[in-house]
Amino acid sequence: MAELITVDDPDDPRLGDYTGLTDVELRRKREPAEGLFIAEGEKVIRRARHAGYEMRSMLLSSKWVDVMRDVIDEVPAPVYAVSPDLAERVTGYHVHRGALASMQRKPLPTAAELLASARRVVIMEAVNDHTNIGAIFRSAAALGMDAVLLSPDCADPLYRRSVKVSMGAVFSVPYARLETCPRGLESVREAGFRLLALTPDEKATSIDTAASHRLERVALMLGAEGEGLSTQALVAADEWVRIPMSHGVDSLNVGAAAAVAFYALASGRPDA
């Protein structure tokens, strides 16, 4: 059973995991280095625990203590009960959902380990917007993608904003980082995957025409918002695919485009 501790000092060192949550640069460096991430909201906290992440502590406003009572009773980690005002002073923002948990990260698998059993893979190159990362993971989980591979310069899927936007789907889809990209894409091809580059370029084949859902093993490459995939990544692809557009719209937000493309990869497959 967790120990419920009332804290009224924002500088209490026991709240250190939660300080400065709005400082993106600080948290991007600090969290991976210290092996932690922050789960926000009751559902996300529960999903993190269900996925096997170990809890370091919880930070709860008083009205959430009863809601999270079963979790408090089950975990040995300390639970800090604070006022909404103190939570805001510690974190740097108003904690709307009133519940935060500091969770311990797990070691990431290697790309080779994920590719060994996957059939539908997402590859993100330089996607550094946390909202887009979260949205893509949520769609990947919902639409049957087996794994996600990230280039070295992609944003952290376990950053608080990514976790929140994904509604905890980042815990459902296994992911790994490629050591290099696009050079590391060759290892994906060697594992038996056909590399499809999603691009609005007119020279690309319609994703329906490409019949990607019929491929035994397929890896869909996504680029950053605005810039899209790099020239090197496009050259490395086996085929360019696009989503047909109407009414003069030339492209979709990468999160929306990913959802459409994931459905196209799964649609019509006997196991979809």
C-alpha atoms as a PDB file:
ATOM      1  CA  MET A   1       0.000   0.000   0.000  1.00  0.00           C
ATOM      2  CA  ALA A   2       1.292   3.455  -0.943  1.00  0.00           C
ATOM      3  CA  GLU A   3       1.957   6.057   1.692  1.00  0.00           C
ATOM      4  CA  LEU A   4      -0.321   9.124   1.369  1.00  0.00           C
ATOM      5  CA  ILE A   5       1.705  12.236   2.205  1.00  0.00           C
ATOM      6  CA  THR A   6       0.294  15.747   2.381  1.00  0.00           C
ATOM      7  CA  VAL A   7       2.745  18.339   1.027  1.00  0.00           C
ATOM      8  CA  ASP A   8       2.335  22.114   1.314  1.00  0.00           C
ATOM      9  CA  ASP A   9       5.779  23.329   0.209  1.00  0.00           C
ATOM     10  CA  PRO A  10       6.346  23.649  -3.570  1.00  0.00           C
ATOM     11  CA  ASP A  11      10.089  23.383  -2.988  1.00  0.00           C
ATOM     12  CA  ASP A  12       9.810  20.037  -1.209  1.00  0.00           C
ATOM     13  CA  PRO A  13      12.548  17.910  -2.832  1.00  0.00           C
ATOM     14  CA  ARG A  14      10.243  14.897  -2.865  1.00  0.00           C
ATOM     15  CA  LEU A  15       8.282  16.629  -5.650  1.00  0.00           C
ATOM     16  CA  GLY A  16      11.388  16.930  -7.823  1.00  0.00           C
ATOM     17  CA  ASP A  17      10.076  14.633 -10.564  1.00  0.00           C
ATOM     18  CA  TYR A  18       7.246  17.096 -11.234  1.00  0.00           C
ATOM     19  CA  THR A  19       9.077  20.415 -11.289  1.00  0.00           C
ATOM     20  CA  GLY A  20       9.059  22.539 -14.439  1.00  0.00           C
ATOM     21  CA  LEU A  21       6.906  20.267 -16.594  1.00  0.00           C
ATOM     22  CA  THR A  22       6.352  23.089 -19.101  1.00  0.00           C
ATOM     23  CA  ASP A  23      10.087  23.522 -19.730  1.00  0.00           C
ATOM     24  CA  VAL A  24      10.291  21.364 -22.847  1.00  0.00           C
ATOM     25  CA  GLU A  25      14.051  21.511 -23.350  1.00  0.00           C
ATOM     26  CA  LEU A  26      14.740  20.706 -19.701  1.00  0.00           C
ATOM     27  CA  ARG A  27      12.314  17.793 -19.599  1.00  0.00           C
ATOM     28  CA  ARG A  28      13.452  16.367 -22.955  1.00  0.00           C
ATOM     29  CA  LYS A  29      16.968  16.050 -21.590  1.00  0.00           C
ATOM     30  CA  ARG A  30      16.183  15.231 -17.987  1.00  0.00           C
ATOM     31  CA  GLU A  31      13.528  12.530 -18.282  1.00  0.00           C
ATOM     32  CA  PRO A  32      15.426  10.033 -20.486  1.00  0.00           C
ATOM     33  CA  ALA A  33      18.614  10.695 -18.520  1.00  0.00           C
ATOM     34  CA  GLU A  34      16.870   9.934 -15.215  1.00  0.00           C
ATOM     35  CA  GLY A  35      14.811   7.083 -16.641  1.00  0.00           C
ATOM     36  CA  LEU A  36      11.404   8.574 -15.889  1.00  0.00           C
ATOM     37  CA  PHE A  37       8.347   9.925 -17.643  1.00  0.00           C
ATOM     38  CA  ILE A  38       5.168  11.651 -16.497  1.00  0.00           C
ATOM     39  CA  ALA A  39       1.693  10.147 -16.965  1.00  0.00           C
ATOM     40  CA  GLU A  40      -1.157  12.651 -16.696  1.00  0.00           C
ATOM     41  CA  GLY A  41      -4.779  11.820 -15.948  1.00  0.00           C
ATOM     42  CA  GLU A  42      -6.505   8.808 -14.417  1.00  0.00           C
ATOM     43  CA  LYS A  43      -6.869   6.783 -17.635  1.00  0.00           C
ATOM     44  CA  VAL A  44      -3.280   7.320 -18.744  1.00  0.00           C
ATOM     45  CA  ILE A  45      -1.906   6.418 -15.314  1.00  0.00           C
ATOM     46  CA  ARG A  46      -3.938   3.229 -15.255  1.00  0.00           C
ATOM     47  CA  ARG A  47      -2.841   2.313 -18.792  1.00  0.00           C
ATOM     48  CA  ALA A  48       0.802   2.875 -17.903  1.00  0.00           C
ATOM     49  CA  ARG A  49       0.468   0.543 -14.940  1.00  0.00           C
ATOM     50  CA  HIS A  50      -1.398  -2.024 -17.030  1.00  0.00           C
ATOM     51  CA  ALA A  51       1.476  -1.911 -19.532  1.00  0.00           C
ATOM     52  CA  GLY A  52       3.875  -2.841 -16.753  1.00  0.00           C
ATOM     53  CA  TYR A  53       5.568   0.489 -16.036  1.00  0.00           C
ATOM     54  CA  GLU A  54       6.729   0.836 -12.445  1.00  0.00           C
ATOM     55  CA  MET A  55       5.415   3.856 -10.541  1.00  0.00           C
ATOM     56  CA  ARG A  56       7.909   6.119  -8.783  1.00  0.00           C
ATOM     57  CA  SER A  57       5.279   8.355  -7.150  1.00  0.00           C
ATOM     58  CA  MET A  58       1.930  10.071  -7.681  1.00  0.00           C
ATOM     59  CA  LEU A  59       0.940  13.722  -7.286  1.00  0.00           C
ATOM     60  CA  LEU A  60      -2.784  14.148  -6.598  1.00  0.00           C
ATOM     61  CA  SER A  61      -5.060  17.046  -5.800  1.00  0.00           C
ATOM     62  CA  SER A  62      -7.364  16.196  -2.903  1.00  0.00           C
ATOM     63  CA  LYS A  63     -10.489  15.392  -4.951  1.00  0.00           C
ATOM     64  CA  TRP A  64      -8.578  12.717  -6.884  1.00  0.00           C
ATOM     65  CA  VAL A  65      -7.458  10.765  -3.841  1.00  0.00           C
ATOM     66  CA  ASP A  66     -10.710   8.790  -3.640  1.00  0.00           C
ATOM     67  CA  VAL A  67     -10.818   8.261  -7.420  1.00  0.00           C
ATOM     68  CA  MET A  68      -7.329   6.751  -7.346  1.00  0.00           C
ATOM     69  CA  ARG A  69      -7.818   4.913  -4.063  1.00  0.00           C
ATOM     70  CA  ASP A  70      -7.488   1.448  -5.617  1.00  0.00           C
ATOM     71  CA  VAL A  71      -4.164   2.426  -7.192  1.00  0.00           C
ATOM     72  CA  ILE A  72      -2.973   3.968  -3.924  1.00  0.00           C
ATOM     73  CA  ASP A  73      -3.809   0.707  -2.164  1.00  0.00           C
ATOM     74  CA  GLU A  74      -1.963  -1.398  -4.750  1.00  0.00           C
ATOM     75  CA  VAL A  75       1.345   0.407  -5.255  1.00  0.00           C
ATOM     76  CA  PRO A  76       4.205   0.867  -2.793  1.00  0.00           C
ATOM     77  CA  ALA A  77       5.263   4.246  -4.240  1.00  0.00           C
ATOM     78  CA  PRO A  78       4.602   7.435  -2.244  1.00  0.00           C
ATOM     79  CA  VAL A  79       1.513   9.486  -3.107  1.00  0.00           C
ATOM     80  CA  TYR A  80       1.736  13.238  -2.558  1.00  0.00           C
ATOM     81  CA  ALA A  81      -1.566  15.007  -1.854  1.00  0.00           C
ATOM     82  CA  VAL A  82      -1.400  18.698  -2.751  1.00  0.00           C
ATOM     83  CA  SER A  83      -3.711  21.618  -3.374  1.00  0.00           C
ATOM     84  CA  PRO A  84      -4.427  22.616  -7.007  1.00  0.00           C
ATOM     85  CA  ASP A  85      -2.540  25.870  -6.404  1.00  0.00           C
ATOM     86  CA  LEU A  86       0.555  24.071  -5.150  1.00  0.00           C
ATOM     87  CA  ALA A  87       0.408  21.601  -8.047  1.00  0.00           C
ATOM     88  CA  GLU A  88       0.426  24.549 -10.457  1.00  0.00           C
ATOM     89  CA  ARG A  89       3.363  26.165  -8.693  1.00  0.00           C
ATOM     90  CA  VAL A  90       5.366  22.944  -8.878  1.00  0.00           C
ATOM     91  CA  THR A  91       4.544  21.912 -12.445  1.00  0.00           C
ATOM     92  CA  GLY A  92       4.204  25.343 -14.062  1.00  0.00           C
ATOM     93  CA  TYR A  93       0.652  24.848 -15.351  1.00  0.00           C
ATOM     94  CA  HIS A  94      -2.875  24.136 -14.143  1.00  0.00           C
ATOM     95  CA  VAL A  95      -3.177  20.367 -13.807  1.00  0.00           C
ATOM     96  CA  HIS A  96      -6.698  20.018 -15.194  1.00  0.00           C
ATOM     97  CA  ARG A  97      -7.028  16.308 -14.572  1.00  0.00           C
ATOM     98  CA  GLY A  98      -5.663  16.585 -11.038  1.00  0.00           C
ATOM     99  CA  ALA A  99      -3.536  13.434 -11.187  1.00  0.00           C
ATOM    100  CA  LEU A 100       0.078  12.953 -12.226  1.00  0.00           C
ATOM    101  CA  ALA A 101       2.361   9.976 -11.843  1.00  0.00           C
ATOM    102  CA  SER A 102       6.081   9.661 -12.274  1.00  0.00           C
ATOM    103  CA  MET A 103       6.796   6.337 -13.970  1.00  0.00           C
ATOM    104  CA  GLN A 104      10.002   4.384 -14.521  1.00  0.00           C
ATOM    105  CA  ARG A 105      11.010   3.837 -18.157  1.00  0.00           C
ATOM    106  CA  LYS A 106      11.751   0.397 -19.543  1.00  0.00           C
ATOM    107  CA  PRO A 107      14.761  -0.482 -21.699  1.00  0.00           C
ATOM    108  CA  LEU A 108      13.858  -0.105 -25.383  1.00  0.00           C
ATOM    109  CA  PRO A 109      14.030  -3.149 -27.652  1.00  0.00           C
ATOM    110  CA  THR A 110      16.255  -3.001 -30.706  1.00  0.00           C
ATOM    111  CA  ALA A 111      14.822  -2.390 -34.158  1.00  0.00           C
ATOM    112  CA  ALA A 112      15.853  -5.914 -35.158  1.00  0.00           C
ATOM    113  CA  GLU A 113      13.909  -7.410 -32.259  1.00  0.00           C
ATOM    114  CA  LEU A 114      10.728  -5.592 -33.289  1.00  0.00           C
ATOM    115  CA  LEU A 115      11.105  -6.403 -36.978  1.00  0.00           C
ATOM    116  CA  ALA A 116      11.462 -10.117 -36.292  1.00  0.00           C
ATOM    117  CA  SER A 117       7.760 -10.527 -35.478  1.00  0.00           C
ATOM    118  CA  ALA A 118       6.119  -7.461 -37.068  1.00  0.00           C
ATOM    119  CA  ARG A 119       4.290  -7.234 -40.389  1.00  0.00           C
ATOM    120  CA  ARG A 120       3.121  -3.614 -40.484  1.00  0.00           C
ATOM    121  CA  VAL A 121       5.623  -1.053 -39.288  1.00  0.00           C
ATOM    122  CA  VAL A 122       5.611   2.744 -39.037  1.00  0.00           C
ATOM    123  CA  ILE A 123       8.896   4.586 -39.574  1.00  0.00           C
ATOM    124  CA  MET A 124       9.025   8.218 -38.461  1.00  0.00           C
ATOM    125  CA  GLU A 125      11.809  10.463 -39.707  1.00  0.00           C
ATOM    126  CA  ALA A 126      12.487  13.692 -37.770  1.00  0.00           C
ATOM    127  CA  VAL A 127       8.931  13.975 -36.436  1.00  0.00           C
ATOM    128  CA  ASN A 128       9.652  16.302 -33.534  1.00  0.00           C
ATOM    129  CA  ASP A 129       6.230  17.656 -32.616  1.00  0.00           C
ATOM    130  CA  HIS A 130       4.982  15.865 -29.497  1.00  0.00           C
ATOM    131  CA  THR A 131       1.325  16.274 -30.456  1.00  0.00           C
ATOM    132  CA  ASN A 132       1.932  14.589 -33.810  1.00  0.00           C
ATOM    133  CA  ILE A 133       3.896  11.789 -32.159  1.00  0.00           C
ATOM    134  CA  GLY A 134       1.002  11.120 -29.790  1.00  0.00           C
ATOM    135  CA  ALA A 135      -1.606  11.247 -32.559  1.00  0.00           C
ATOM    136  CA  ILE A 136       0.373   8.855 -34.755  1.00  0.00           C
ATOM    137  CA  PHE A 137       0.804   6.348 -31.930  1.00  0.00           C
ATOM    138  CA  ARG A 138      -2.904   6.497 -31.137  1.00  0.00           C
ATOM    139  CA  SER A 139      -3.805   5.776 -34.766  1.00  0.00           C
ATOM    140  CA  ALA A 140      -1.146   3.071 -34.993  1.00  0.00           C
ATOM    141  CA  ALA A 141      -2.640   1.299 -31.986  1.00  0.00           C
ATOM    142  CA  ALA A 142      -6.227   1.675 -33.183  1.00  0.00           C
ATOM    143  CA  LEU A 143      -5.561   0.595 -36.772  1.00  0.00           C
ATOM    144  CA  GLY A 144      -3.398  -2.443 -36.212  1.00  0.00           C
ATOM    145  CA  MET A 145       0.181  -1.342 -36.782  1.00  0.00           C
ATOM    146  CA  ASP A 146       2.610  -3.730 -35.120  1.00  0.00           C
ATOM    147  CA  ALA A 147       5.563  -1.494 -34.294  1.00  0.00           C
ATOM    148  CA  VAL A 148       7.053   1.979 -34.654  1.00  0.00           C
ATOM    149  CA  LEU A 149      10.640   2.806 -35.586  1.00  0.00           C
ATOM    150  CA  LEU A 150      11.945   6.297 -34.847  1.00  0.00           C
ATOM    151  CA  SER A 151      14.866   8.119 -36.420  1.00  0.00           C
ATOM    152  CA  PRO A 152      17.427   9.364 -33.880  1.00  0.00           C
ATOM    153  CA  ASP A 153      16.049  12.926 -34.103  1.00  0.00           C
ATOM    154  CA  CYS A 154      12.373  12.082 -33.512  1.00  0.00           C
ATOM    155  CA  ALA A 155      10.667  13.434 -30.404  1.00  0.00           C
ATOM    156  CA  ASP A 156      10.253  11.287 -27.299  1.00  0.00           C
ATOM    157  CA  PRO A 157       7.007   9.247 -27.321  1.00  0.00           C
ATOM    158  CA  LEU A 158       7.040   9.229 -23.516  1.00  0.00           C
ATOM    159  CA  TYR A 159       7.163  13.005 -23.196  1.00  0.00           C
ATOM    160  CA  ARG A 160       4.071  14.124 -21.237  1.00  0.00           C
ATOM    161  CA  ARG A 161       2.335  15.783 -24.204  1.00  0.00           C
ATOM    162  CA  SER A 162       2.839  12.766 -26.460  1.00  0.00           C
ATOM    163  CA  VAL A 163       1.516  10.382 -23.823  1.00  0.00           C
ATOM    164  CA  LYS A 164      -1.498  12.617 -23.143  1.00  0.00           C
ATOM    165  CA  VAL A 165      -2.451  13.071 -26.818  1.00  0.00           C
ATOM    166  CA  SER A 166      -2.094   9.346 -27.466  1.00  0.00           C
ATOM    167  CA  MET A 167      -4.341   8.585 -24.443  1.00  0.00           C
ATOM    168  CA  GLY A 168      -1.724   6.058 -23.386  1.00  0.00           C
ATOM    169  CA  ALA A 169      -1.498   4.353 -26.796  1.00  0.00           C
ATOM    170  CA  VAL A 170       2.280   4.872 -26.647  1.00  0.00           C
ATOM    171  CA  PHE A 171       2.212   2.023 -24.128  1.00  0.00           C
ATOM    172  CA  SER A 172       0.391  -0.306 -26.550  1.00  0.00           C
ATOM    173  CA  VAL A 173       2.590  -0.197 -29.654  1.00  0.00           C
ATOM    174  CA  PRO A 174       6.215  -1.292 -29.194  1.00  0.00           C
ATOM    175  CA  TYR A 175       8.820   1.093 -30.556  1.00  0.00           C
ATOM    176  CA  ALA A 176      12.557   1.345 -31.057  1.00  0.00           C
ATOM    177  CA  ARG A 177      15.037   3.866 -32.413  1.00  0.00           C
ATOM    178  CA  LEU A 178      17.054   3.309 -35.547  1.00  0.00           C
ATOM    179  CA  GLU A 179      20.726   3.954 -34.915  1.00  0.00           C
ATOM    180  CA  THR A 180      20.942   5.927 -38.155  1.00  0.00           C
ATOM    181  CA  CYS A 181      18.427   7.217 -40.670  1.00  0.00           C
ATOM    182  CA  PRO A 182      17.999   6.957 -43.585  1.00  0.00           C
ATOM    183  CA  ARG A 183      20.979   4.588 -43.773  1.00  0.00           C
ATOM    184  CA  GLY A 184      19.324   2.337 -41.190  1.00  0.00           C
ATOM    185  CA  LEU A 185      16.382   1.792 -43.528  1.00  0.00           C
ATOM    186  CA  GLU A 186      18.379  -0.847 -45.372  1.00  0.00           C
ATOM    187  CA  SER A 187      18.136  -3.114 -42.329  1.00  0.00           C
ATOM    188  CA  VAL A 188      14.334  -2.836 -42.525  1.00  0.00           C
ATOM    189  CA  ARG A 189      14.391  -3.895 -46.178  1.00  0.00           C
ATOM    190  CA  GLU A 190      16.742  -6.775 -45.347  1.00  0.00           C
ATOM    191  CA  ALA A 191      14.185  -7.951 -42.786  1.00  0.00           C
ATOM    192  CA  GLY A 192      11.726  -8.452 -45.642  1.00  0.00           C
ATOM    193  CA  PHE A 193       9.778  -5.194 -45.588  1.00  0.00           C
ATOM    194  CA  ARG A 194       8.769  -3.130 -48.598  1.00  0.00           C
ATOM    195  CA  LEU A 195       9.481   0.528 -47.813  1.00  0.00           C
ATOM    196  CA  LEU A 196       6.643   2.870 -48.764  1.00  0.00           C
ATOM    197  CA  ALA A 197       7.298   6.627 -48.497  1.00  0.00           C
ATOM    198  CA  LEU A 198       4.154   8.677 -47.826  1.00  0.00           C
ATOM    199  CA  THR A 199       4.411  11.930 -49.778  1.00  0.00           C
ATOM    200  CA  PRO A 200       2.027  14.365 -51.517  1.00  0.00           C
ATOM    201  CA  ASP A 201       4.303  14.396 -54.575  1.00  0.00           C
ATOM    202  CA  GLU A 202       2.325  14.035 -57.809  1.00  0.00           C
ATOM    203  CA  LYS A 203       4.720  11.323 -58.990  1.00  0.00           C
ATOM    204  CA  ALA A 204       3.664   9.087 -56.101  1.00  0.00           C
ATOM    205  CA  THR A 205       1.233   6.215 -56.611  1.00  0.00           C
ATOM    206  CA  SER A 206      -2.165   6.364 -54.951  1.00  0.00           C
ATOM    207  CA  ILE A 207      -1.939   4.291 -51.790  1.00  0.00           C
ATOM    208  CA  ASP A 208      -5.021   2.349 -52.933  1.00  0.00           C
ATOM    209  CA  THR A 209      -3.459   1.582 -56.317  1.00  0.00           C
ATOM    210  CA  ALA A 210      -0.275   0.447 -54.614  1.00  0.00           C
ATOM    211  CA  ALA A 211      -2.392  -2.254 -52.910  1.00  0.00           C
ATOM    212  CA  SER A 212      -0.200  -2.021 -49.844  1.00  0.00           C
ATOM    213  CA  HIS A 213      -2.706  -4.066 -47.848  1.00  0.00           C
ATOM    214  CA  ARG A 214      -1.744  -7.086 -49.940  1.00  0.00           C
ATOM    215  CA  LEU A 215       1.927  -6.909 -49.015  1.00  0.00           C
ATOM    216  CA  GLU A 216       3.177  -9.519 -46.581  1.00  0.00           C
ATOM    217  CA  ARG A 217       5.485  -7.081 -44.766  1.00  0.00           C
ATOM    218  CA  VAL A 218       5.270  -3.334 -45.226  1.00  0.00           C
ATOM    219  CA  ALA A 219       6.940  -0.333 -43.589  1.00  0.00           C
ATOM    220  CA  LEU A 220       5.301   3.075 -44.026  1.00  0.00           C
ATOM    221  CA  MET A 221       7.671   6.046 -43.810  1.00  0.00           C
ATOM    222  CA  LEU A 222       6.372   9.365 -42.426  1.00  0.00           C
ATOM    223  CA  GLY A 223       8.196  12.691 -42.382  1.00  0.00           C
ATOM    224  CA  ALA A 224       7.932  15.786 -40.241  1.00  0.00           C
ATOM    225  CA  GLU A 225       5.143  18.324 -40.533  1.00  0.00           C
ATOM    226  CA  GLY A 226       5.867  20.722 -43.383  1.00  0.00           C
ATOM    227  CA  GLU A 227       9.213  19.355 -44.567  1.00  0.00           C
ATOM    228  CA  GLY A 228       8.054  15.789 -45.107  1.00  0.00           C
ATOM    229  CA  LEU A 229      10.537  13.004 -45.731  1.00  0.00           C
ATOM    230  CA  SER A 230      14.105  13.952 -46.559  1.00  0.00           C
ATOM    231  CA  THR A 231      15.432  13.489 -50.080  1.00  0.00           C
ATOM    232  CA  GLN A 232      17.652  10.685 -48.801  1.00  0.00           C
ATOM    233  CA  ALA A 233      14.687   8.862 -47.257  1.00  0.00           C
ATOM    234  CA  LEU A 234      12.656   9.218 -50.455  1.00  0.00           C
ATOM    235  CA  VAL A 235      15.545   7.797 -52.475  1.00  0.00           C
ATOM    236  CA  ALA A 236      15.823   4.875 -50.042  1.00  0.00           C
ATOM    237  CA  ALA A 237      12.125   3.947 -50.425  1.00  0.00           C
ATOM    238  CA  ASP A 238      10.921   1.126 -52.651  1.00  0.00           C
ATOM    239  CA  GLU A 239       7.855   3.118 -53.684  1.00  0.00           C
ATOM    240  CA  TRP A 240       6.302   6.518 -53.118  1.00  0.00           C
ATOM    241  CA  VAL A 241       2.623   6.526 -52.138  1.00  0.00           C
ATOM    242  CA  ARG A 242       0.165   9.366 -51.649  1.00  0.00           C
ATOM    243  CA  ILE A 243      -3.359   9.923 -50.369  1.00  0.00           C
ATOM    244  CA  PRO A 244      -5.621  11.223 -53.174  1.00  0.00           C
ATOM    245  CA  MET A 245      -6.891  14.759 -52.399  1.00  0.00           C
ATOM    246  CA  SER A 246      -9.900  16.808 -53.477  1.00  0.00           C
ATOM    247  CA  HIS A 247     -10.965  20.483 -53.551  1.00  0.00           C
ATOM    248  CA  GLY A 248      -7.448  21.731 -54.132  1.00  0.00           C
ATOM    249  CA  VAL A 249      -6.087  20.444 -50.808  1.00  0.00           C
ATOM    250  CA  ASP A 250      -2.498  19.354 -51.340  1.00  0.00           C
ATOM    251  CA  SER A 251      -1.772  17.544 -48.074  1.00  0.00           C
ATOM    252  CA  LEU A 252      -2.982  16.625 -44.599  1.00  0.00           C
ATOM    253  CA  ASN A 253      -1.465  17.114 -41.173  1.00  0.00           C
ATOM    254  CA  VAL A 254       0.942  14.221 -40.642  1.00  0.00           C
ATOM    255  CA  GLY A 255      -1.201  12.845 -37.818  1.00  0.00           C
ATOM    256  CA  ALA A 256      -4.328  12.780 -39.991  1.00  0.00           C
ATOM    257  CA  ALA A 257      -2.421  11.432 -42.997  1.00  0.00           C
ATOM    258  CA  ALA A 258      -0.989   8.645 -40.863  1.00  0.00           C
ATOM    259  CA  ALA A 259      -4.452   7.504 -39.779  1.00  0.00           C
ATOM    260  CA  VAL A 260      -5.702   7.353 -43.389  1.00  0.00           C
ATOM    261  CA  ALA A 261      -2.594   5.485 -44.522  1.00  0.00           C
ATOM    262  CA  PHE A 262      -2.717   3.005 -41.639  1.00  0.00           C
ATOM    263  CA  TYR A 263      -6.292   2.135 -42.556  1.00  0.00           C
ATOM    264  CA  ALA A 264      -5.239   1.615 -46.168  1.00  0.00           C
ATOM    265  CA  LEU A 265      -2.470  -0.747 -45.043  1.00  0.00           C
ATOM    266  CA  ALA A 266      -4.879  -2.835 -43.006  1.00  0.00           C
ATOM    267  CA  SER A 267      -8.046  -2.690 -45.146  1.00  0.00           C
ATOM    268  CA  GLY A 268      -8.933  -5.926 -46.888  1.00  0.00           C
ATOM    269  CA  ARG A 269      -6.339  -8.102 -45.144  1.00  0.00           C
ATOM    270  CA  PRO A 270      -7.770 -11.335 -43.750  1.00  0.00           C
ATOM    271  CA  ASP A 271      -6.385 -10.532 -40.281  1.00  0.00           C
ATOM    272  CA  ALA A 272      -7.335  -6.827 -40.347  1.00  0.00           C
END
